Amino acid sequence: MTNEKFIGFTMEKTKHIALVAHDGKKKELVEWCDRNKDVLKNHFLCGTGTTAKLIAEKTGLPVKGYCSGPLGGDQQIGSRIVEGGIDFLVFLWDPLEAQPHDPDVRALLRIAVVYDIPVANNLATADFLLTSKFMEETYERRVENFNVTIQERVKAFQK
């Protein structure tokens, strides 16, 4: 096993962007995608169920659709993050509406943090991400090697 504290991942010039929105935020995300389609057309887009379909219909952008969030779409996107297949996440969640699949939402946001991918939970952050200089170039991100961290914690506990 490696003793490296961090593992490097390269985001290529063409980013893989996941687009997710709760029902109360779908219209906002679709409109944001429509306003930014000249930038987004240069990247690979995916999203959960209805959100992906609405974005594709309104903007003409190709969006790979996964299942609806409550039916496992959040988990599918989380697994793609783990596999290195998603570079950043735009997830407009509705803070005023309880979600029956809240544990899935929390798990998705947690895995995004674990794998150090940028996350936008509102349009202002999404605008900042999309206009970042890193959208036009490769980017090296470092992800904590949790196997090493856990081993270090076990050794410290055993002392």
C-alpha atoms as a PDB file:
ATOM      1  CA  MET A   1       0.000   0.000   0.000  1.00  0.00           C
ATOM      2  CA  THR A   2       1.187   3.499  -0.780  1.00  0.00           C
ATOM      3  CA  ASN A   3       2.078   5.905   2.009  1.00  0.00           C
ATOM      4  CA  GLU A   4       1.161   8.938  -0.040  1.00  0.00           C
ATOM      5  CA  LYS A   5      -0.912  11.389   2.012  1.00  0.00           C
ATOM      6  CA  PHE A   6      -2.700  12.633  -1.109  1.00  0.00           C
ATOM      7  CA  ILE A   7      -3.707  11.164  -4.459  1.00  0.00           C
ATOM      8  CA  GLY A   8      -3.646  13.389  -7.535  1.00  0.00           C
ATOM      9  CA  PHE A   9      -6.451  13.632 -10.073  1.00  0.00           C
ATOM     10  CA  THR A  10      -6.376  15.624 -13.286  1.00  0.00           C
ATOM     11  CA  MET A  11      -9.431  17.469 -14.522  1.00  0.00           C
ATOM     12  CA  GLU A  12      -9.047  17.684 -18.255  1.00  0.00           C
ATOM     13  CA  LYS A  13      -9.867  20.772 -20.296  1.00  0.00           C
ATOM     14  CA  THR A  14     -13.266  19.301 -21.116  1.00  0.00           C
ATOM     15  CA  LYS A  15     -15.027  19.066 -17.781  1.00  0.00           C
ATOM     16  CA  HIS A  16     -17.628  16.527 -16.739  1.00  0.00           C
ATOM     17  CA  ILE A  17     -20.361  18.544 -15.054  1.00  0.00           C
ATOM     18  CA  ALA A  18     -23.253  17.070 -13.069  1.00  0.00           C
ATOM     19  CA  LEU A  19     -26.442  19.165 -12.998  1.00  0.00           C
ATOM     20  CA  VAL A  20     -28.964  18.442 -10.261  1.00  0.00           C
ATOM     21  CA  ALA A  21     -31.909  20.452  -8.933  1.00  0.00           C
ATOM     22  CA  HIS A  22     -34.796  19.855  -6.595  1.00  0.00           C
ATOM     23  CA  ASP A  23     -38.268  20.558  -7.976  1.00  0.00           C
ATOM     24  CA  GLY A  24     -38.398  24.099  -6.602  1.00  0.00           C
ATOM     25  CA  LYS A  25     -35.062  24.926  -8.261  1.00  0.00           C
ATOM     26  CA  LYS A  26     -35.335  23.176 -11.636  1.00  0.00           C
ATOM     27  CA  LYS A  27     -36.526  26.290 -13.478  1.00  0.00           C
ATOM     28  CA  GLU A  28     -33.558  28.295 -12.141  1.00  0.00           C
ATOM     29  CA  LEU A  29     -31.066  25.650 -13.233  1.00  0.00           C
ATOM     30  CA  VAL A  30     -32.608  25.256 -16.675  1.00  0.00           C
ATOM     31  CA  GLU A  31     -32.507  29.032 -17.198  1.00  0.00           C
ATOM     32  CA  TRP A  32     -28.896  29.194 -15.973  1.00  0.00           C
ATOM     33  CA  CYS A  33     -27.909  26.446 -18.407  1.00  0.00           C
ATOM     34  CA  ASP A  34     -29.695  28.266 -21.233  1.00  0.00           C
ATOM     35  CA  ARG A  35     -27.842  31.514 -20.428  1.00  0.00           C
ATOM     36  CA  ASN A  36     -24.527  29.656 -20.303  1.00  0.00           C
ATOM     37  CA  LYS A  37     -24.980  27.170 -23.130  1.00  0.00           C
ATOM     38  CA  ASP A  38     -22.094  28.658 -25.147  1.00  0.00           C
ATOM     39  CA  VAL A  39     -19.712  27.597 -22.374  1.00  0.00           C
ATOM     40  CA  LEU A  40     -21.524  24.408 -21.392  1.00  0.00           C
ATOM     41  CA  LYS A  41     -21.582  23.070 -24.968  1.00  0.00           C
ATOM     42  CA  ASN A  42     -17.816  22.509 -24.692  1.00  0.00           C
ATOM     43  CA  HIS A  43     -18.190  20.146 -21.758  1.00  0.00           C
ATOM     44  CA  PHE A  44     -19.812  16.807 -20.951  1.00  0.00           C
ATOM     45  CA  LEU A  45     -23.070  17.269 -19.073  1.00  0.00           C
ATOM     46  CA  CYS A  46     -25.063  14.813 -17.022  1.00  0.00           C
ATOM     47  CA  GLY A  47     -27.871  15.117 -14.522  1.00  0.00           C
ATOM     48  CA  THR A  48     -30.609  13.405 -12.638  1.00  0.00           C
ATOM     49  CA  GLY A  49     -33.901  12.377 -14.268  1.00  0.00           C
ATOM     50  CA  THR A  50     -36.243  15.236 -14.997  1.00  0.00           C
ATOM     51  CA  THR A  51     -33.557  17.900 -14.565  1.00  0.00           C
ATOM     52  CA  ALA A  52     -31.417  16.413 -17.342  1.00  0.00           C
ATOM     53  CA  LYS A  53     -34.439  16.077 -19.620  1.00  0.00           C
ATOM     54  CA  LEU A  54     -35.613  19.665 -19.024  1.00  0.00           C
ATOM     55  CA  ILE A  55     -32.141  21.104 -19.652  1.00  0.00           C
ATOM     56  CA  ALA A  56     -31.729  19.148 -22.872  1.00  0.00           C
ATOM     57  CA  GLU A  57     -35.186  20.147 -24.148  1.00  0.00           C
ATOM     58  CA  LYS A  58     -34.824  23.861 -23.321  1.00  0.00           C
ATOM     59  CA  THR A  59     -31.186  24.375 -24.339  1.00  0.00           C
ATOM     60  CA  GLY A  60     -30.548  21.770 -27.019  1.00  0.00           C
ATOM     61  CA  LEU A  61     -27.458  20.691 -25.061  1.00  0.00           C
ATOM     62  CA  PRO A  62     -26.762  16.967 -24.821  1.00  0.00           C
ATOM     63  CA  VAL A  63     -27.239  15.893 -21.201  1.00  0.00           C
ATOM     64  CA  LYS A  64     -26.781  12.296 -20.098  1.00  0.00           C
ATOM     65  CA  GLY A  65     -29.683  11.479 -17.826  1.00  0.00           C
ATOM     66  CA  TYR A  66     -29.498   9.260 -14.784  1.00  0.00           C
ATOM     67  CA  CYS A  67     -32.408   8.154 -12.610  1.00  0.00           C
ATOM     68  CA  SER A  68     -34.490  10.659 -10.702  1.00  0.00           C
ATOM     69  CA  GLY A  69     -32.795  11.668  -7.436  1.00  0.00           C
ATOM     70  CA  PRO A  70     -35.248   9.830  -5.138  1.00  0.00           C
ATOM     71  CA  LEU A  71     -34.916   6.723  -7.325  1.00  0.00           C
ATOM     72  CA  GLY A  72     -31.122   6.525  -7.050  1.00  0.00           C
ATOM     73  CA  GLY A  73     -29.910   9.296  -9.375  1.00  0.00           C
ATOM     74  CA  ASP A  74     -28.041  11.086  -6.584  1.00  0.00           C
ATOM     75  CA  GLN A  75     -26.265   7.834  -5.786  1.00  0.00           C
ATOM     76  CA  GLN A  76     -25.450   7.226  -9.457  1.00  0.00           C
ATOM     77  CA  ILE A  77     -23.820  10.633  -9.684  1.00  0.00           C
ATOM     78  CA  GLY A  78     -21.990   9.972  -6.412  1.00  0.00           C
ATOM     79  CA  SER A  79     -20.572   6.758  -7.847  1.00  0.00           C
ATOM     80  CA  ARG A  80     -19.407   8.641 -10.949  1.00  0.00           C
ATOM     81  CA  ILE A  81     -17.572  11.103  -8.672  1.00  0.00           C
ATOM     82  CA  VAL A  82     -15.847   8.186  -6.925  1.00  0.00           C
ATOM     83  CA  GLU A  83     -14.857   6.740 -10.318  1.00  0.00           C
ATOM     84  CA  GLY A  84     -13.395  10.086 -11.403  1.00  0.00           C
ATOM     85  CA  GLY A  85     -16.102  10.634 -14.014  1.00  0.00           C
ATOM     86  CA  ILE A  86     -17.451  13.945 -12.678  1.00  0.00           C
ATOM     87  CA  ASP A  87     -15.307  17.043 -12.214  1.00  0.00           C
ATOM     88  CA  PHE A  88     -17.818  19.332 -10.600  1.00  0.00           C
ATOM     89  CA  LEU A  89     -21.368  19.461  -9.396  1.00  0.00           C
ATOM     90  CA  VAL A  90     -24.036  22.117  -9.716  1.00  0.00           C
ATOM     91  CA  PHE A  91     -26.719  21.065  -7.251  1.00  0.00           C
ATOM     92  CA  LEU A  92     -29.450  23.590  -6.610  1.00  0.00           C
ATOM     93  CA  TRP A  93     -31.206  22.183  -3.570  1.00  0.00           C
ATOM     94  CA  ASP A  94     -34.283  23.749  -2.116  1.00  0.00           C
ATOM     95  CA  PRO A  95     -33.590  24.910   1.466  1.00  0.00           C
ATOM     96  CA  LEU A  96     -37.294  25.574   2.062  1.00  0.00           C
ATOM     97  CA  GLU A  97     -38.558  22.125   1.135  1.00  0.00           C
ATOM     98  CA  ALA A  98     -37.991  18.890   3.067  1.00  0.00           C
ATOM     99  CA  GLN A  99     -36.806  16.116   0.763  1.00  0.00           C
ATOM    100  CA  PRO A 100     -37.811  12.489   1.311  1.00  0.00           C
ATOM    101  CA  HIS A 101     -34.422  11.393  -0.025  1.00  0.00           C
ATOM    102  CA  ASP A 102     -32.398  13.782   2.170  1.00  0.00           C
ATOM    103  CA  PRO A 103     -29.935  11.029   3.206  1.00  0.00           C
ATOM    104  CA  ASP A 104     -29.080  10.528  -0.495  1.00  0.00           C
ATOM    105  CA  VAL A 105     -28.567  14.267  -0.953  1.00  0.00           C
ATOM    106  CA  ARG A 106     -26.283  14.417   2.076  1.00  0.00           C
ATOM    107  CA  ALA A 107     -24.340  11.393   0.826  1.00  0.00           C
ATOM    108  CA  LEU A 108     -23.839  13.022  -2.588  1.00  0.00           C
ATOM    109  CA  LEU A 109     -22.609  16.276  -1.055  1.00  0.00           C
ATOM    110  CA  ARG A 110     -20.354  14.357   1.319  1.00  0.00           C
ATOM    111  CA  ILE A 111     -18.744  12.335  -1.477  1.00  0.00           C
ATOM    112  CA  ALA A 112     -18.169  15.550  -3.455  1.00  0.00           C
ATOM    113  CA  VAL A 113     -16.198  16.905  -0.481  1.00  0.00           C
ATOM    114  CA  VAL A 114     -14.296  13.637   0.019  1.00  0.00           C
ATOM    115  CA  TYR A 115     -13.199  13.665  -3.638  1.00  0.00           C
ATOM    116  CA  ASP A 116     -12.468  17.417  -3.596  1.00  0.00           C
ATOM    117  CA  ILE A 117     -14.676  18.418  -6.502  1.00  0.00           C
ATOM    118  CA  PRO A 118     -16.101  21.929  -6.751  1.00  0.00           C
ATOM    119  CA  VAL A 119     -19.761  22.163  -5.763  1.00  0.00           C
ATOM    120  CA  ALA A 120     -22.190  24.989  -6.489  1.00  0.00           C
ATOM    121  CA  ASN A 121     -25.355  25.011  -4.413  1.00  0.00           C
ATOM    122  CA  ASN A 122     -26.537  28.362  -5.730  1.00  0.00           C
ATOM    123  CA  LEU A 123     -26.357  30.305  -8.979  1.00  0.00           C
ATOM    124  CA  ALA A 124     -23.754  32.792  -7.751  1.00  0.00           C
ATOM    125  CA  THR A 125     -21.303  29.971  -7.031  1.00  0.00           C
ATOM    126  CA  ALA A 126     -22.172  28.285 -10.325  1.00  0.00           C
ATOM    127  CA  ASP A 127     -21.360  31.549 -12.135  1.00  0.00           C
ATOM    128  CA  PHE A 128     -18.020  31.799 -10.335  1.00  0.00           C
ATOM    129  CA  LEU A 129     -17.138  28.202 -11.245  1.00  0.00           C
ATOM    130  CA  LEU A 130     -18.137  28.578 -14.854  1.00  0.00           C
ATOM    131  CA  THR A 131     -16.105  31.768 -15.308  1.00  0.00           C
ATOM    132  CA  SER A 132     -13.035  30.451 -13.495  1.00  0.00           C
ATOM    133  CA  LYS A 133      -9.798  30.315 -15.470  1.00  0.00           C
ATOM    134  CA  PHE A 134      -9.731  26.593 -14.654  1.00  0.00           C
ATOM    135  CA  MET A 135     -12.699  25.969 -16.959  1.00  0.00           C
ATOM    136  CA  GLU A 136     -10.376  26.481 -19.927  1.00  0.00           C
ATOM    137  CA  GLU A 137      -7.422  24.402 -18.763  1.00  0.00           C
ATOM    138  CA  THR A 138      -6.483  21.251 -16.940  1.00  0.00           C
ATOM    139  CA  TYR A 139      -6.525  21.335 -13.171  1.00  0.00           C
ATOM    140  CA  GLU A 140      -4.713  19.089 -10.709  1.00  0.00           C
ATOM    141  CA  ARG A 141      -6.650  18.340  -7.566  1.00  0.00           C
ATOM    142  CA  ARG A 142      -5.365  16.487  -4.562  1.00  0.00           C
ATOM    143  CA  VAL A 143      -7.588  14.087  -2.696  1.00  0.00           C
ATOM    144  CA  GLU A 144      -6.722  12.955   0.787  1.00  0.00           C
ATOM    145  CA  ASN A 145      -5.700   9.308   0.836  1.00  0.00           C
ATOM    146  CA  PHE A 146      -8.130   8.185   3.526  1.00  0.00           C
ATOM    147  CA  ASN A 147      -6.561   4.718   3.750  1.00  0.00           C
ATOM    148  CA  VAL A 148      -3.378   6.354   5.068  1.00  0.00           C
ATOM    149  CA  THR A 149      -5.355   8.713   7.328  1.00  0.00           C
ATOM    150  CA  ILE A 150      -7.272   5.807   8.885  1.00  0.00           C
ATOM    151  CA  GLN A 151      -4.070   3.821   9.427  1.00  0.00           C
ATOM    152  CA  GLU A 152      -2.497   6.837  11.151  1.00  0.00           C
ATOM    153  CA  ARG A 153      -5.541   7.253  13.397  1.00  0.00           C
ATOM    154  CA  VAL A 154      -5.486   3.566  14.355  1.00  0.00           C
ATOM    155  CA  LYS A 155      -1.768   3.767  15.238  1.00  0.00           C
ATOM    156  CA  ALA A 156      -2.339   6.935  17.288  1.00  0.00           C
ATOM    157  CA  PHE A 157      -5.261   5.301  19.123  1.00  0.00           C
ATOM    158  CA  GLN A 158      -3.189   2.198  19.937  1.00  0.00           C
ATOM    159  CA  LYS A 159      -0.490   4.247  21.672  1.00  0.00           C
END
